[in-house]
Protein backbone atom coordinates (compact mmCIF):
# COMPACT_ATOMS: atom_id res chain seq x y z
CA MET A 1 -28.07 108.21 -69.46
CA GLU A 2 -27.13 109.02 -65.71
CA ILE A 3 -28.58 111.85 -64.00
CA ALA A 4 -25.72 113.06 -61.71
CA VAL A 5 -26.33 113.69 -58.00
CA GLU A 6 -25.07 116.61 -56.08
CA GLU A 7 -24.58 115.32 -52.76
CA LYS A 8 -24.70 117.43 -50.04
CA PRO A 9 -21.50 117.86 -48.32
CA ASN A 10 -20.83 116.79 -44.55
CA VAL A 11 -20.64 119.98 -42.38
CA PRO A 12 -18.47 118.65 -39.48
CA VAL A 13 -19.99 119.40 -36.24
CA SER A 14 -17.40 120.35 -33.47
CA LYS A 15 -16.47 118.46 -30.64
CA GLU A 16 -17.59 121.77 -28.57
CA GLU A 17 -21.00 121.54 -30.47
CA LYS A 18 -21.81 118.38 -29.18
CA ILE A 19 -20.43 119.03 -25.27
CA THR A 20 -22.57 122.43 -25.66
CA LYS A 21 -25.66 120.15 -27.15
CA SER A 22 -24.95 117.33 -24.86
CA LYS A 23 -24.96 119.70 -21.62
CA PHE A 24 -27.89 121.47 -22.40
CA GLU A 25 -29.68 118.36 -22.72
CA ARG A 26 -28.82 117.06 -19.37
CA TYR A 27 -29.27 120.71 -18.08
CA ILE A 28 -33.10 120.05 -19.17
CA ASP A 29 -33.31 116.77 -17.95
CA LYS A 30 -31.72 117.35 -14.21
CA ARG A 31 -34.58 120.20 -14.54
CA LYS A 32 -37.60 117.86 -15.47
CA MET A 33 -36.05 115.29 -12.78
CA ASN A 34 -36.24 117.82 -10.21
CA PHE A 35 -39.26 119.06 -11.09
CA LYS A 36 -40.76 115.65 -10.75
CA ILE A 37 -39.19 115.00 -7.36
CA MET A 38 -40.70 118.24 -6.15
CA PHE A 39 -44.18 117.80 -7.43
CA LYS A 40 -43.93 114.21 -5.47
CA GLN A 41 -42.71 116.08 -2.42
CA MET A 42 -45.35 118.06 -2.40
CA LYS A 43 -48.01 115.70 -2.97
CA GLU A 44 -46.23 113.48 0.03
CA HIS A 45 -46.42 116.40 2.30
CA LYS A 46 -49.76 117.94 1.55
CA VAL A 47 -50.21 118.92 4.69
CA LEU A 48 -47.37 121.01 5.56
CA TYR A 49 -48.01 122.73 2.40
CA LEU A 50 -51.45 123.40 3.60
CA PHE A 51 -50.51 124.79 6.94
CA MET A 52 -47.89 127.24 5.04
CA ALA A 53 -50.64 128.54 2.47
CA PRO A 54 -51.73 131.05 4.57
CA TYR A 55 -48.63 132.71 5.14
CA ALA A 56 -47.84 131.83 1.00
CA ILE A 57 -51.08 133.54 0.06
CA LEU A 58 -49.76 136.87 2.42
CA PHE A 59 -46.31 137.38 1.12
CA THR A 60 -47.45 136.26 -2.15
CA LEU A 61 -50.27 139.45 -2.44
CA PHE A 62 -47.84 141.88 0.08
CA VAL A 63 -44.56 141.38 -0.96
CA VAL A 64 -44.51 139.79 -4.52
CA ALA A 65 -47.06 141.29 -6.16
CA PRO A 66 -46.69 144.43 -5.51
CA VAL A 67 -43.11 144.43 -7.01
CA VAL A 68 -44.05 142.77 -9.92
CA VAL A 69 -46.64 145.93 -10.31
CA SER A 70 -43.73 148.41 -9.61
CA ILE A 71 -42.01 146.81 -12.39
CA PHE A 72 -44.56 147.04 -14.58
CA PHE A 73 -45.41 150.95 -13.57
CA SER A 74 -41.71 151.54 -14.27
CA PHE A 75 -42.05 151.18 -17.78
CA THR A 76 -45.71 153.36 -17.88
CA TYR A 77 -46.48 157.02 -17.43
CA PHE A 78 -48.66 156.88 -14.26
CA ASN A 79 -50.05 160.26 -12.43
CA VAL A 80 -52.60 157.88 -10.18
CA LEU A 81 -55.47 160.21 -12.06
CA GLU A 82 -55.10 159.14 -15.64
CA ALA A 83 -54.74 155.48 -16.57
CA PRO A 84 -51.00 154.11 -16.80
CA ARG A 85 -49.50 154.79 -20.68
CA PHE A 86 -46.47 152.62 -21.44
CA ILE A 87 -43.61 154.65 -22.39
CA GLY A 88 -41.35 152.38 -22.55
CA PHE A 89 -37.46 152.75 -20.95
CA GLU A 90 -38.08 156.15 -20.90
CA ASN A 91 -38.13 156.82 -17.32
CA TYR A 92 -35.10 155.18 -16.58
CA LEU A 93 -33.75 156.73 -19.70
CA THR A 94 -34.62 159.86 -17.61
CA LEU A 95 -33.27 159.20 -14.81
CA PHE A 96 -29.59 158.10 -15.57
CA LEU A 97 -29.67 161.07 -18.10
CA SER A 98 -31.31 163.89 -17.13
CA ASP A 99 -32.39 163.62 -13.52
CA ASP A 100 -29.20 165.43 -11.96
CA VAL A 101 -30.51 164.88 -8.05
CA PHE A 102 -31.06 160.95 -8.84
CA LEU A 103 -27.24 160.57 -9.54
CA ILE A 104 -26.14 162.79 -6.65
CA ALA A 105 -28.99 160.68 -4.25
CA LEU A 106 -27.95 157.36 -5.84
CA ARG A 107 -23.58 158.75 -5.30
CA ASN A 108 -24.92 159.21 -1.72
CA THR A 109 -26.86 156.09 -0.96
CA VAL A 110 -23.62 153.90 -2.14
CA VAL A 111 -21.39 156.00 -0.19
CA LEU A 112 -23.83 155.44 2.49
CA ALA A 113 -24.00 151.72 2.03
CA ALA A 114 -20.67 151.12 1.63
CA ILE A 115 -19.60 152.41 4.99
CA THR A 116 -22.53 151.74 7.21
CA GLY A 117 -23.26 148.49 5.59
CA PRO A 118 -20.12 146.36 6.17
CA ILE A 119 -19.13 148.55 9.75
CA GLY A 120 -22.39 148.19 10.83
CA TYR A 121 -22.35 144.13 10.02
CA ILE A 122 -19.41 143.82 11.82
CA MET A 123 -20.15 145.96 14.80
CA ALA A 124 -23.58 143.56 14.88
CA PHE A 125 -20.98 140.53 14.76
CA LEU A 126 -18.54 141.20 17.35
CA PHE A 127 -20.95 143.00 20.09
CA ALA A 128 -23.16 139.64 19.96
CA TRP A 129 -19.37 137.56 20.41
CA PHE A 130 -19.07 139.46 23.09
CA ILE A 131 -21.90 139.99 24.70
CA TYR A 132 -22.71 136.37 24.68
CA GLU A 133 -19.53 135.82 26.67
CA LEU A 134 -21.33 137.00 29.49
CA PRO A 135 -23.32 135.50 32.31
CA ARG A 136 -27.14 134.70 31.65
CA TYR A 137 -28.85 137.70 32.96
CA VAL A 138 -26.00 140.15 32.23
CA ARG A 139 -26.57 139.06 29.02
CA ALA A 140 -30.14 140.01 28.34
CA VAL A 141 -29.74 143.13 29.96
CA VAL A 142 -26.59 144.56 27.85
CA THR A 143 -28.58 143.13 24.61
CA LEU A 144 -31.70 145.08 25.45
CA VAL A 145 -29.90 148.08 26.07
CA PHE A 146 -27.96 147.66 22.37
CA TYR A 147 -31.08 146.56 20.81
CA ALA A 148 -33.10 149.27 22.16
CA PRO A 149 -32.35 152.22 19.03
CA THR A 150 -33.70 149.85 16.96
CA ILE A 151 -36.91 149.58 18.36
CA SER A 152 -37.27 152.99 19.34
CA GLY A 153 -38.86 154.60 17.08
CA SER A 154 -37.45 158.26 15.98
CA VAL A 155 -35.27 157.75 19.05
CA PHE A 156 -32.55 159.30 16.39
CA LEU A 157 -34.16 162.68 17.34
CA VAL A 158 -32.07 162.96 20.20
CA TRP A 159 -28.95 164.01 18.48
CA GLN A 160 -30.76 166.71 16.69
CA LEU A 161 -30.11 167.83 20.69
CA ILE A 162 -26.46 167.05 20.34
CA PHE A 163 -25.74 168.02 17.10
CA ALA A 164 -28.04 171.19 17.29
CA GLY A 165 -26.24 174.69 15.17
CA ASP A 166 -26.48 176.88 18.36
CA ALA A 167 -24.36 177.29 21.36
CA TYR A 168 -26.87 174.92 23.46
CA GLY A 169 -25.84 171.96 20.96
CA PHE A 170 -24.08 169.48 23.67
CA ALA A 171 -21.42 169.08 20.61
CA ASN A 172 -20.95 172.60 20.22
CA ALA A 173 -20.98 173.65 23.68
CA TYR A 174 -17.88 171.06 24.75
CA LEU A 175 -15.59 171.90 21.48
CA MET A 176 -16.41 175.34 22.43
CA GLN A 177 -15.79 174.82 26.11
CA TRP A 178 -12.25 172.96 25.03
CA GLY A 179 -11.61 175.51 22.86
CA ILE A 180 -11.05 173.52 19.52
CA LEU A 181 -14.36 175.65 18.35
CA THR A 182 -14.92 179.78 18.27
CA GLU A 183 -18.23 180.01 16.99
CA PRO A 184 -21.02 177.17 16.57
CA GLN A 185 -20.89 174.69 13.77
CA LEU A 186 -24.15 174.37 12.10
CA TRP A 187 -23.63 170.01 11.51
CA LEU A 188 -27.20 169.53 10.47
CA SER A 189 -26.81 172.22 8.11
CA ASP A 190 -23.78 172.36 6.52
CA PRO A 191 -22.92 169.67 3.50
CA ALA A 192 -19.30 169.32 4.64
CA THR A 193 -20.44 167.82 7.72
CA MET A 194 -23.74 166.73 7.43
CA MET A 195 -22.98 163.14 5.62
CA PRO A 196 -20.27 162.42 8.87
CA VAL A 197 -22.89 163.05 11.16
CA ILE A 198 -25.77 161.00 9.30
CA ILE A 199 -23.14 158.20 8.97
CA VAL A 200 -22.69 158.01 12.80
CA VAL A 201 -26.31 157.86 13.74
CA ALA A 202 -26.36 154.98 11.01
CA LEU A 203 -24.31 153.13 12.66
CA TRP A 204 -25.63 153.67 16.11
CA MET A 205 -28.53 152.42 14.78
CA SER A 206 -27.62 149.54 12.88
CA LEU A 207 -27.86 146.82 15.59
CA GLY A 208 -31.18 145.58 14.47
CA ALA A 209 -32.63 141.88 13.84
CA GLY A 210 -29.34 141.29 12.52
CA PHE A 211 -27.47 141.48 15.99
CA LEU A 212 -30.43 139.31 17.82
CA ALA A 213 -29.57 136.78 14.73
CA PHE A 214 -26.08 136.59 15.45
CA ILE A 215 -26.66 135.53 19.26
CA ALA A 216 -29.46 133.47 18.45
CA GLY A 217 -26.95 131.95 15.94
CA LEU A 218 -24.07 132.03 18.69
CA SER A 219 -26.17 129.88 20.83
CA THR A 220 -26.14 126.93 18.44
CA VAL A 221 -23.01 125.97 18.20
CA ASP A 222 -22.40 122.67 19.81
CA PRO A 223 -19.72 123.08 22.14
CA ILE A 224 -18.62 119.99 21.93
CA LEU A 225 -17.16 121.17 18.65
CA TYR A 226 -14.81 123.13 20.47
CA GLU A 227 -13.58 120.83 22.51
CA ALA A 228 -12.59 118.67 19.10
CA GLY A 229 -11.32 121.92 17.79
CA LEU A 230 -8.40 122.15 20.70
CA ILE A 231 -7.59 118.79 19.91
CA ASP A 232 -7.11 119.39 16.33
CA GLY A 233 -5.00 122.56 16.99
CA ILE A 234 -6.87 125.05 17.54
CA LYS A 235 -4.60 127.79 19.03
CA ASN A 236 -6.25 130.45 20.10
CA ARG A 237 -9.95 132.57 20.49
CA TRP A 238 -9.92 134.07 16.80
CA GLN A 239 -9.02 130.35 14.90
CA GLU A 240 -11.71 129.40 16.97
CA LEU A 241 -13.91 132.19 15.60
CA TRP A 242 -13.11 131.80 12.12
CA PHE A 243 -13.18 127.58 11.62
CA ILE A 244 -15.75 126.74 14.30
CA THR A 245 -18.32 129.53 15.37
CA LEU A 246 -18.57 131.25 11.75
CA PRO A 247 -19.21 127.95 9.57
CA ASN A 248 -21.66 126.77 11.83
CA MET A 249 -23.66 129.58 11.73
CA LYS A 250 -23.83 130.57 8.22
CA GLY A 251 -27.71 130.84 8.09
CA MET A 252 -27.81 133.58 10.37
CA LEU A 253 -24.69 135.16 8.72
CA LEU A 254 -26.15 135.31 5.32
CA PHE A 255 -29.85 136.90 7.12
CA GLY A 256 -27.75 139.42 9.38
CA ALA A 257 -25.90 140.37 6.00
CA VAL A 258 -29.37 140.32 4.18
CA MET A 259 -30.62 142.52 6.88
CA SER A 260 -27.84 145.10 6.85
CA ILE A 261 -27.66 145.74 3.61
CA THR A 262 -31.74 146.32 3.22
CA ALA A 263 -31.30 148.86 5.91
CA SER A 264 -28.25 150.58 4.43
CA PHE A 265 -29.53 151.41 1.13
CA ALA A 266 -32.97 152.18 2.79
CA ILE A 267 -31.98 155.25 4.79
CA GLY A 268 -34.25 157.55 4.25
CA ASP A 269 -36.31 158.93 7.61
CA VAL A 270 -32.72 159.53 9.39
CA THR A 271 -31.42 162.10 6.77
CA ALA A 272 -35.22 163.62 6.46
CA GLN A 273 -35.85 164.40 9.80
CA LEU A 274 -31.92 165.53 10.77
CA ALA A 275 -31.23 167.29 8.08
CA GLY A 276 -34.62 168.42 6.75
CA PHE A 277 -36.38 167.36 2.91
CA PRO A 278 -34.25 168.17 1.27
CA SER A 279 -31.37 168.49 3.02
CA THR A 280 -28.56 171.96 2.11
CA ASP A 281 -27.10 171.07 -1.80
CA TYR A 282 -29.06 167.78 -1.97
CA ALA A 283 -25.68 166.67 0.26
CA VAL A 284 -27.15 163.40 2.33
CA HIS A 285 -29.99 163.31 0.10
CA THR A 286 -30.51 159.28 -0.57
CA VAL A 287 -32.71 157.31 -3.06
CA ILE A 288 -35.27 156.69 -0.65
CA ASN A 289 -35.59 160.45 -0.38
CA HIS A 290 -36.27 160.58 -4.18
CA LEU A 291 -38.95 157.73 -3.87
CA VAL A 292 -40.73 159.82 -1.55
CA ASP A 293 -40.33 163.14 -3.52
CA TYR A 294 -41.69 161.31 -6.98
CA GLY A 295 -44.14 159.06 -5.06
CA ALA A 296 -45.48 160.47 -1.81
CA LEU A 297 -45.97 164.52 -3.13
CA ARG A 298 -45.79 164.81 -6.84
CA PHE A 299 -47.77 161.32 -6.92
CA GLU A 300 -45.53 160.68 -10.17
CA MET A 301 -45.97 156.52 -10.14
CA GLY A 302 -43.94 155.14 -13.07
CA TYR A 303 -41.10 157.46 -12.39
CA ALA A 304 -41.28 156.44 -8.77
CA SER A 305 -41.79 153.13 -9.62
CA ALA A 306 -37.94 153.03 -11.95
CA ILE A 307 -36.72 154.41 -8.82
CA ALA A 308 -37.69 151.92 -6.88
CA THR A 309 -36.53 149.27 -9.09
CA VAL A 310 -33.33 150.53 -9.59
CA LEU A 311 -32.90 150.19 -6.20
CA PHE A 312 -34.04 146.54 -5.45
CA LEU A 313 -31.98 145.55 -8.49
CA THR A 314 -28.91 147.06 -6.42
CA MET A 315 -29.59 145.60 -3.02
CA ILE A 316 -30.44 142.16 -5.15
CA TYR A 317 -26.79 142.34 -6.88
CA THR A 318 -25.21 143.55 -3.43
CA ASN A 319 -27.04 140.79 -1.87
CA LYS A 320 -25.41 138.26 -4.60
CA ILE A 321 -21.64 139.42 -3.42
CA VAL A 322 -22.00 139.43 -0.14
CA GLN A 323 -23.44 135.94 -0.39
CA LYS A 324 -20.77 134.57 -2.71
CA PHE A 325 -18.01 136.18 -0.20
CA LEU A 326 -20.15 134.18 2.87
CA ARG A 327 -19.44 130.89 0.82
CA ARG A 328 -15.74 131.28 1.96
CA VAL A 329 -16.00 131.79 5.41
CA GLY A 330 -13.88 128.98 7.17
CA THR A 331 -12.28 127.96 4.03
């Protein structure tokens, strides 16, 4: 008596599954190989890593660790007086579904970043480009003049005199003298004028570290490249800028972009000092102001950490977009 053996049907494997599997395996093998090469190089250059250790330790303790701790606290209720209590995504749900002031602050921050970030970045590069063409000693003096507002602390408070809400403010005085205004304008109290004033002040202060990085980057471009460009058909300064200058200082462009993004999203002191804290109708209330409100005044550290995490992720995402764009420079 023969026993019938049920044969299992052969399940065909599609080519896509084979390709996907092979790609995944190749990816794992590549990562393993890169890790082995990195470990080997670290052993060969251990003295160099030993010299880097102090900075790496300080950077980890005071930059990486606080970010990780903040992300952890964003999932907790923590008021400093009690132990943190895990509450999941409740802080984030409250932020986007219940906190109307945060949504206003987020909108104001995006508006400020979208205007002051790109314009400040382009202004910093153009000023650096023009100043680099000046004679050496004149260039040093002009660079100091343009960079001074960034390193002068609360020098932006001079704008309180310019945009004072009485007849003695410079803006009101001149506009009334010219017949443009009939009565003093409350520049820093009227929601209709507060945002334009803050944008002007932020742009005035935007020539920061990125400005110096651009001047340094311009000085590293080999003059021989410009001579070679003339031979290859470069016809004007704009083609010279796009095809020679910018591709040879991409590192500085990226650094300037990171600094510009950070500065544009971190606007808070200017709004608080000029327009008050909080500002009228929250017209220029930013995410930084909201973070200070909950972190430094109300001591709701869990909620403040959630605000900081949202701002951090927004900066990272914006930075990725800018990096993608800068890779196409000169192509």
